[in-house]
Amino acid sequence: MKATREAETLKEEESRRPAGVADETLADLLDRYTVRGELWRAEEGGRIRCVACGHRCLLPPGRRGICKVRFHRDGELRVPFGYVAGVASDPIEKKPFFHVLPGTDALTFGMLGCDFHCSYCQNWITSQALRDPAAGAPIQPVTPEQLVSAAVRTGARSVISSYNEPLITAEWAVAVFRKARERDLLCGFVSNGNATPEALDYLQPWIRCYKVDLKTFDDRRYRSLGGTLAHVLDTIRAVHARGLWLEVVTLVVPGWNDSTEELRDIARFLVSVSPDIPWHVTAFHPDYQMTGPRATTAADLIRAAEIGAAEGLHFVYAGNLPGRVGPWEDTRCPGCGHTVVARTGYVVERYEVTSEGACPKCGQRIPGIWHKEPVELSVSGWRLPRPVQL
């Protein structure tokens, strides 16, 4: 594969760098870890159009997209390839995916950059690396084969692109997913949802699950983060329509997006797409540039979860405050109410979904990607992310 050969060449060049090159900027360094992209098209006047995210940047020669990591050079779009800025084997519940192979680990990897600039970003060190001088994480050259080998070695059942915004590094993710699928590993995306139909078509052959952050139901606030509400809602509809497993997360920020009206609007929208979409309401803590609002309490999350359930969502989860939100960490059958998956934090304490994906009490189907074979779960201690040696 041409992209893999280019990445290997870059890695060899890195090992031969003269001492003076160490002073190059982060952008210069990242530009060397790029290949010709696939999510773009030529436009009039020598410009090109990137279609990886909803911004659809129109780039004259030499210009970067809003994400800062995709750029026009010599008549083609150059895109990130051949490195990671973060990699770990951690619980799939941490993504969070609650209806995807519960109790298993996911090899999670990410790069640098984002097409949003959220003031409360908890991954700002990686996402804002080319916007904020205080951000930036060391990068590690790696091949898709090395990442997949690490997944197999650590016992992960899935490979997930996360940490930064994976849409802007989609070509790299697909290169990894191709190798992961050869080893029968499930692949997924953890994204802000600012997708395009072209990007989803590109990803669909390789992924089975997709998590979207629905940050607010107010377009003005969305624009303050660098996106638009309409694009994210379109992505949620499109992911569901394509048959990918979809879970949605809303970080509940007191005084910002936690009004009863707004939470109800989010829940009603999700029900209009499908009442079976799991909705995770998670706890905010002051971070990065948003230090004014107080931290979200367990009572705040329970209120949000109750709103979602009252509006007709079958699966609502309260996250980030393990053991403090009552039954809102568990999966319950929408037919008879039986708890089919009991959790505390990232620990699955009991798993009773049948191999046919149904409730063992009443036989109702529980939507998701479930285990086909009997599951042995270890409930001793907390499941924490583990560093991965590449």
Protein backbone atom coordinates (compact mmCIF):
# COMPACT_ATOMS: atom_id res chain seq x y z
CA MET A 1 0.00 0.00 0.00
CA LYS A 2 1.43 3.35 -1.09
CA ALA A 3 0.48 5.20 2.13
CA THR A 4 2.19 2.57 4.28
CA ARG A 5 5.38 2.80 2.17
CA GLU A 6 5.37 6.59 2.59
CA ALA A 7 4.98 6.23 6.35
CA GLU A 8 7.88 3.77 6.54
CA THR A 9 10.05 6.20 4.56
CA LEU A 10 9.16 9.00 6.97
CA LYS A 11 10.10 6.82 9.93
CA GLU A 12 13.50 6.08 8.36
CA GLU A 13 14.04 9.80 7.69
CA GLU A 14 13.15 10.57 11.32
CA SER A 15 15.93 8.28 12.55
CA ARG A 16 18.46 10.12 10.35
CA ARG A 17 17.44 13.67 11.26
CA PRO A 18 20.37 16.01 11.95
CA ALA A 19 20.47 17.60 15.38
CA GLY A 20 19.43 21.04 14.10
CA VAL A 21 16.11 19.77 12.78
CA ALA A 22 14.94 19.26 16.35
CA ASP A 23 14.09 22.97 16.42
CA GLU A 24 11.37 22.66 13.76
CA THR A 25 7.82 23.68 14.67
CA LEU A 26 5.15 21.16 15.56
CA ALA A 27 3.41 21.94 12.27
CA ASP A 28 6.62 21.25 10.35
CA LEU A 29 7.03 17.94 12.14
CA LEU A 30 3.45 16.86 11.55
CA ASP A 31 3.62 17.89 7.89
CA ARG A 32 6.31 15.26 7.39
CA TYR A 33 3.91 12.61 8.69
CA THR A 34 1.40 13.01 5.89
CA VAL A 35 0.32 11.21 2.74
CA ARG A 36 -1.93 12.05 -0.18
CA GLY A 37 -5.49 12.12 1.11
CA GLU A 38 -8.60 10.48 -0.31
CA LEU A 39 -11.40 12.69 1.03
CA TRP A 40 -11.09 15.64 -1.34
CA ARG A 41 -11.81 16.78 -4.87
CA ALA A 42 -10.36 19.31 -7.30
CA GLU A 43 -12.16 22.63 -7.77
CA GLU A 44 -11.80 25.52 -10.21
CA GLY A 45 -8.88 27.91 -9.99
CA GLY A 46 -6.39 25.35 -8.72
CA ARG A 47 -8.20 24.97 -5.43
CA ILE A 48 -9.22 21.72 -3.74
CA ARG A 49 -12.18 20.89 -1.52
CA CYS A 50 -11.65 18.75 1.59
CA VAL A 51 -14.75 16.69 2.43
CA ALA A 52 -13.58 14.98 5.61
CA CYS A 53 -15.71 17.14 7.92
CA GLY A 54 -18.66 19.48 7.76
CA HIS A 55 -16.50 22.57 7.24
CA ARG A 56 -15.76 21.41 3.66
CA CYS A 57 -12.74 23.70 3.49
CA LEU A 58 -11.95 25.17 0.06
CA LEU A 59 -8.18 25.39 -0.07
CA PRO A 60 -5.97 27.34 -2.47
CA PRO A 61 -2.37 26.12 -2.76
CA GLY A 62 -0.45 26.35 0.50
CA ARG A 63 -3.51 26.75 2.72
CA ARG A 64 -4.53 24.64 5.70
CA GLY A 65 -8.02 23.60 6.65
CA ILE A 66 -9.75 24.71 9.84
CA CYS A 67 -8.39 21.55 11.48
CA LYS A 68 -4.80 22.78 10.78
CA VAL A 69 -3.57 19.28 9.90
CA ARG A 70 -5.00 18.82 6.38
CA PHE A 71 -3.46 21.11 3.76
CA HIS A 72 -3.09 21.76 0.04
CA ARG A 73 0.37 21.11 -1.39
CA ASP A 74 1.38 20.61 -5.02
CA GLY A 75 -2.17 20.10 -6.24
CA GLU A 76 -3.19 17.49 -3.69
CA LEU A 77 -4.53 17.29 -0.14
CA ARG A 78 -1.97 16.09 2.39
CA VAL A 79 -3.40 14.32 5.44
CA PRO A 80 -1.97 12.92 8.72
CA PHE A 81 -0.52 9.43 8.56
CA GLY A 82 1.94 7.17 10.36
CA TYR A 83 1.98 8.33 13.99
CA VAL A 84 0.00 8.38 17.23
CA ALA A 85 -0.10 10.99 19.97
CA GLY A 86 -1.99 8.68 22.30
CA VAL A 87 -2.63 4.94 22.48
CA ALA A 88 -3.98 2.74 25.26
CA SER A 89 -5.87 -0.46 25.85
CA ASP A 90 -8.86 0.53 27.94
CA PRO A 91 -12.45 -0.50 28.68
CA ILE A 92 -14.84 -0.06 25.78
CA GLU A 93 -17.26 1.41 28.33
CA LYS A 94 -14.88 4.38 28.58
CA LYS A 95 -15.59 5.46 24.95
CA PRO A 96 -18.44 5.21 26.05
CA PHE A 97 -19.99 2.24 24.26
CA PHE A 98 -22.34 0.37 26.60
CA HIS A 99 -23.99 -1.82 23.94
CA VAL A 100 -20.79 -3.02 22.27
CA LEU A 101 -19.10 -6.17 23.64
CA PRO A 102 -19.47 -5.16 27.33
CA GLY A 103 -16.59 -5.99 29.63
CA THR A 104 -13.96 -6.06 26.87
CA ASP A 105 -11.04 -3.76 26.14
CA ALA A 106 -10.52 -1.50 23.14
CA LEU A 107 -7.18 -0.54 21.63
CA THR A 108 -7.72 3.22 21.37
CA PHE A 109 -5.50 5.50 19.33
CA GLY A 110 -5.46 9.15 18.34
CA MET A 111 -3.43 11.84 16.59
CA LEU A 112 -3.30 15.64 16.94
CA GLY A 113 -5.77 18.29 15.86
CA CYS A 114 -9.50 19.02 15.75
CA ASP A 115 -12.00 20.89 13.62
CA PHE A 116 -13.69 22.31 16.76
CA HIS A 117 -12.22 24.50 19.52
CA CYS A 118 -14.36 23.62 22.56
CA SER A 119 -13.49 25.76 25.57
CA TYR A 120 -14.06 22.85 27.96
CA CYS A 121 -12.22 20.16 25.97
CA GLN A 122 -10.82 17.48 28.26
CA ASN A 123 -8.45 16.29 25.52
CA TRP A 124 -7.20 19.77 24.64
CA ILE A 125 -3.55 18.75 24.89
CA THR A 126 -4.02 16.72 21.70
CA SER A 127 -7.02 18.37 20.07
CA GLN A 128 -5.75 21.96 20.24
CA ALA A 129 -2.09 21.22 19.57
CA LEU A 130 -1.83 23.48 16.51
CA ARG A 131 -3.98 26.30 17.94
CA ASP A 132 -2.79 26.68 21.53
CA PRO A 133 0.94 27.04 22.31
CA ALA A 134 0.30 25.41 25.68
CA ALA A 135 -1.03 22.25 24.02
CA GLY A 136 0.84 19.47 22.28
CA ALA A 137 1.79 15.89 23.03
CA PRO A 138 4.78 13.85 21.86
CA ILE A 139 4.12 11.79 18.76
CA GLN A 140 5.27 8.25 18.11
CA PRO A 141 5.82 6.92 14.59
CA VAL A 142 3.91 3.68 14.08
CA THR A 143 2.46 1.48 11.34
CA PRO A 144 -1.08 0.09 11.17
CA GLU A 145 0.37 -3.39 11.60
CA GLN A 146 2.06 -2.38 14.86
CA LEU A 147 -1.14 -0.95 16.29
CA VAL A 148 -3.15 -4.03 15.41
CA SER A 149 -0.46 -6.33 16.79
CA ALA A 150 -0.62 -4.36 20.04
CA ALA A 151 -4.39 -4.81 20.13
CA VAL A 152 -4.07 -8.57 19.73
CA ARG A 153 -1.24 -8.76 22.26
CA THR A 154 -3.23 -6.90 24.93
CA GLY A 155 -6.37 -8.95 24.36
CA ALA A 156 -8.44 -6.08 22.98
CA ARG A 157 -11.55 -7.04 21.03
CA SER A 158 -11.88 -3.73 19.21
CA VAL A 159 -9.86 -0.87 17.74
CA ILE A 160 -11.23 2.64 18.23
CA SER A 161 -10.11 5.99 16.77
CA SER A 162 -10.50 8.68 19.46
CA TYR A 163 -8.65 11.28 21.63
CA ASN A 164 -8.55 13.92 18.88
CA GLU A 165 -11.25 14.30 16.21
CA PRO A 166 -10.92 11.19 14.04
CA LEU A 167 -12.78 12.61 11.04
CA ILE A 168 -9.80 14.82 10.20
CA THR A 169 -7.48 11.79 10.31
CA ALA A 170 -9.92 9.39 8.62
CA GLU A 171 -7.43 8.07 6.04
CA TRP A 172 -5.07 6.98 8.82
CA ALA A 173 -7.93 5.40 10.76
CA VAL A 174 -9.07 3.40 7.74
CA ALA A 175 -5.52 2.17 7.13
CA VAL A 176 -5.50 0.85 10.72
CA PHE A 177 -9.03 -0.55 10.44
CA ARG A 178 -8.16 -2.49 7.29
CA LYS A 179 -5.48 -4.38 9.23
CA ALA A 180 -7.73 -4.72 12.28
CA ARG A 181 -10.50 -6.32 10.26
CA GLU A 182 -8.01 -8.91 8.98
CA ARG A 183 -7.61 -9.97 12.63
CA ASP A 184 -11.38 -10.04 13.23
CA LEU A 185 -11.32 -6.95 15.45
CA LEU A 186 -14.34 -4.66 15.66
CA CYS A 187 -13.62 -1.05 14.65
CA GLY A 188 -15.27 2.20 15.70
CA PHE A 189 -15.18 6.00 15.82
CA VAL A 190 -15.51 8.40 18.75
CA SER A 191 -16.37 11.70 17.09
CA ASN A 192 -17.82 15.19 17.49
CA GLY A 193 -20.28 14.31 14.73
CA ASN A 194 -19.29 17.03 12.27
CA ALA A 195 -19.24 14.50 9.44
CA THR A 196 -20.10 14.54 5.75
CA PRO A 197 -21.87 11.89 3.67
CA GLU A 198 -18.58 11.37 1.81
CA ALA A 199 -16.71 10.66 5.05
CA LEU A 200 -19.38 8.27 6.31
CA ASP A 201 -19.40 6.42 2.97
CA TYR A 202 -15.62 6.12 3.23
CA LEU A 203 -15.77 4.78 6.80
CA GLN A 204 -18.80 2.53 6.55
CA PRO A 205 -17.08 -0.56 5.09
CA TRP A 206 -14.64 -0.64 8.00
CA ILE A 207 -16.48 0.39 11.17
CA ARG A 208 -19.39 -1.08 13.11
CA CYS A 209 -19.95 1.50 15.85
CA TYR A 210 -19.92 5.28 16.02
CA LYS A 211 -20.20 7.55 19.06
CA VAL A 212 -21.36 11.15 18.55
CA ASP A 213 -21.04 14.03 21.00
CA LEU A 214 -24.25 16.05 20.91
CA LYS A 215 -22.91 18.98 22.90
CA THR A 216 -25.93 21.28 22.96
CA PHE A 217 -29.24 21.82 21.20
CA ASP A 218 -28.55 25.52 20.66
CA ASP A 219 -26.95 26.46 17.35
CA ARG A 220 -25.49 29.70 18.71
CA ARG A 221 -23.59 27.78 21.37
CA TYR A 222 -22.51 25.19 18.81
CA ARG A 223 -21.03 27.94 16.66
CA SER A 224 -19.04 29.18 19.67
CA LEU A 225 -17.38 25.73 19.71
CA GLY A 226 -16.59 25.82 16.01
CA GLY A 227 -19.46 23.79 14.57
CA THR A 228 -23.16 23.88 13.77
CA LEU A 229 -26.04 22.00 15.33
CA ALA A 230 -27.50 21.04 11.95
CA HIS A 231 -24.36 19.17 10.85
CA VAL A 232 -24.29 17.09 14.03
CA LEU A 233 -28.00 16.25 13.83
CA ASP A 234 -27.53 15.24 10.19
CA THR A 235 -24.66 12.97 11.21
CA ILE A 236 -26.74 11.26 13.88
CA ARG A 237 -29.50 10.60 11.35
CA ALA A 238 -27.01 9.42 8.72
CA VAL A 239 -25.08 7.08 11.02
CA HIS A 240 -28.30 5.45 12.17
CA ALA A 241 -29.64 5.19 8.61
CA ARG A 242 -26.46 3.39 7.52
CA GLY A 243 -27.02 0.65 10.10
CA LEU A 244 -23.93 1.47 12.15
CA TRP A 245 -24.35 1.04 15.89
CA LEU A 246 -24.77 4.54 17.32
CA GLU A 247 -24.43 5.89 20.86
CA VAL A 248 -24.75 9.58 21.74
CA VAL A 249 -23.13 11.52 24.58
CA THR A 250 -24.02 14.88 26.08
CA LEU A 251 -21.64 16.44 28.60
CA VAL A 252 -24.01 18.18 31.02
CA VAL A 253 -22.55 21.59 31.89
CA PRO A 254 -24.41 23.43 34.68
CA GLY A 255 -25.78 26.74 33.47
CA TRP A 256 -24.70 26.11 29.88
CA ASN A 257 -26.74 23.25 28.40
CA ASP A 258 -28.60 21.72 31.36
CA SER A 259 -31.98 23.44 31.24
CA THR A 260 -34.96 21.11 31.34
CA GLU A 261 -36.09 22.47 27.99
CA GLU A 262 -32.77 21.80 26.26
CA LEU A 263 -32.34 18.31 27.71
CA ARG A 264 -35.90 17.50 26.70
CA ASP A 265 -35.25 18.77 23.16
CA ILE A 266 -32.18 16.54 22.85
CA ALA A 267 -34.09 13.49 24.08
CA ARG A 268 -37.03 14.19 21.77
CA PHE A 269 -34.73 14.51 18.79
CA LEU A 270 -33.05 11.17 19.56
CA VAL A 271 -36.43 9.48 19.98
CA SER A 272 -37.44 10.84 16.57
CA VAL A 273 -34.46 9.01 15.06
CA SER A 274 -34.82 5.87 17.22
CA PRO A 275 -35.80 5.34 20.87
CA ASP A 276 -33.17 2.58 20.95
CA ILE A 277 -30.22 5.01 20.64
CA PRO A 278 -28.34 4.94 23.97
CA TRP A 279 -27.98 8.45 25.41
CA HIS A 280 -25.14 9.03 27.87
CA VAL A 281 -25.37 12.12 30.07
CA THR A 282 -21.95 12.67 31.58
CA ALA A 283 -20.42 14.89 34.24
CA PHE A 284 -18.55 18.09 33.48
CA HIS A 285 -15.66 19.32 35.57
CA PRO A 286 -14.01 22.72 35.07
CA ASP A 287 -11.24 22.29 32.52
CA TYR A 288 -9.14 24.11 29.93
CA GLN A 289 -10.74 27.52 29.29
CA MET A 290 -14.13 26.86 30.91
CA THR A 291 -13.55 27.15 34.64
CA GLY A 292 -16.62 29.18 35.59
CA PRO A 293 -19.40 26.58 35.78
CA ARG A 294 -19.50 24.29 38.78
CA ALA A 295 -18.89 20.57 38.41
CA THR A 296 -21.87 18.42 37.51
CA THR A 297 -23.35 16.53 40.47
CA ALA A 298 -24.92 13.09 40.63
CA ALA A 299 -28.29 14.79 41.16
CA ASP A 300 -27.79 16.75 37.93
CA LEU A 301 -27.12 13.57 35.98
CA ILE A 302 -30.05 11.71 37.50
CA ARG A 303 -32.36 14.59 36.57
CA ALA A 304 -31.07 14.55 32.98
CA ALA A 305 -31.42 10.77 32.77
CA GLU A 306 -34.98 10.92 34.09
CA ILE A 307 -35.85 13.50 31.43
CA GLY A 308 -34.48 11.22 28.70
CA ALA A 309 -36.42 8.23 29.96
CA ALA A 310 -39.62 10.26 30.34
CA GLU A 311 -39.35 11.33 26.70
CA GLY A 312 -39.26 7.72 25.57
CA LEU A 313 -35.60 6.76 25.24
CA HIS A 314 -35.15 3.08 26.11
CA PHE A 315 -31.51 3.31 27.20
CA VAL A 316 -30.27 6.31 29.18
CA TYR A 317 -27.00 6.26 31.12
CA ALA A 318 -25.45 8.60 33.66
CA GLY A 319 -21.66 8.52 33.49
CA ASN A 320 -18.44 9.69 35.09
CA LEU A 321 -19.71 9.40 38.68
CA PRO A 322 -19.55 5.63 39.29
CA GLY A 323 -21.62 4.23 42.12
CA ARG A 324 -23.44 7.54 42.70
CA VAL A 325 -26.23 7.47 40.12
CA GLY A 326 -28.28 4.48 41.21
CA PRO A 327 -29.54 2.26 38.37
CA TRP A 328 -28.54 4.68 35.61
CA GLU A 329 -25.31 2.78 34.89
CA ASP A 330 -27.19 -0.44 34.11
CA THR A 331 -28.83 -1.72 30.95
CA ARG A 332 -32.44 -2.71 31.54
CA CYS A 333 -34.79 -4.54 29.20
CA PRO A 334 -37.31 -2.04 27.78
CA GLY A 335 -39.92 -4.79 27.78
CA CYS A 336 -39.89 -6.20 31.31
CA GLY A 337 -37.39 -3.96 33.12
CA HIS A 338 -34.98 -6.78 33.97
CA THR A 339 -31.35 -5.66 34.39
CA VAL A 340 -29.45 -7.42 31.62
CA VAL A 341 -26.09 -5.67 32.23
CA ALA A 342 -25.14 -4.40 35.69
CA ARG A 343 -22.24 -1.93 35.90
CA THR A 344 -20.30 0.24 38.28
CA GLY A 345 -18.15 2.64 36.33
CA TYR A 346 -16.16 0.65 33.77
CA VAL A 347 -16.74 -2.65 35.57
CA VAL A 348 -19.41 -4.99 34.21
CA GLU A 349 -20.59 -6.89 37.27
CA ARG A 350 -23.28 -8.99 35.62
CA TYR A 351 -24.01 -9.78 31.98
CA GLU A 352 -27.18 -11.62 30.97
CA VAL A 353 -27.87 -10.67 27.35
CA THR A 354 -28.40 -13.91 25.45
CA SER A 355 -26.26 -14.95 22.49
CA GLU A 356 -29.19 -13.88 20.30
CA GLY A 357 -29.02 -10.38 21.82
CA ALA A 358 -32.19 -10.71 23.88
CA CYS A 359 -33.47 -10.41 27.44
CA PRO A 360 -33.31 -13.81 29.20
CA LYS A 361 -36.57 -13.12 31.05
CA CYS A 362 -38.99 -12.00 28.35
CA GLY A 363 -37.08 -12.60 25.13
CA GLN A 364 -37.24 -8.99 23.89
CA ARG A 365 -34.39 -7.98 21.62
CA ILE A 366 -31.84 -5.63 23.20
CA PRO A 367 -30.29 -3.55 20.37
CA GLY A 368 -26.50 -3.54 20.26
CA ILE A 369 -23.44 -5.60 19.38
CA TRP A 370 -23.40 -8.38 21.94
CA HIS A 371 -21.28 -11.41 22.72
CA LYS A 372 -22.04 -14.52 20.69
CA GLU A 373 -20.35 -16.83 23.17
CA PRO A 374 -20.64 -17.17 26.98
CA VAL A 375 -18.79 -14.38 28.78
CA GLU A 376 -16.53 -14.70 31.80
CA LEU A 377 -16.26 -11.37 33.57
CA SER A 378 -13.72 -10.31 36.20
CA VAL A 379 -15.34 -7.92 38.67
CA SER A 380 -12.40 -7.51 41.02
CA GLY A 381 -11.05 -3.96 41.10
CA TRP A 382 -11.44 -1.11 38.61
CA ARG A 383 -10.69 -1.52 34.93
CA LEU A 384 -8.27 1.22 34.03
CA PRO A 385 -6.52 2.25 30.82
CA ARG A 386 -3.24 0.42 30.26
CA PRO A 387 -0.27 1.91 28.39
CA VAL A 388 0.57 0.06 25.20
CA GLN A 389 4.08 -0.81 24.11
CA LEU A 390 4.34 -0.53 20.34
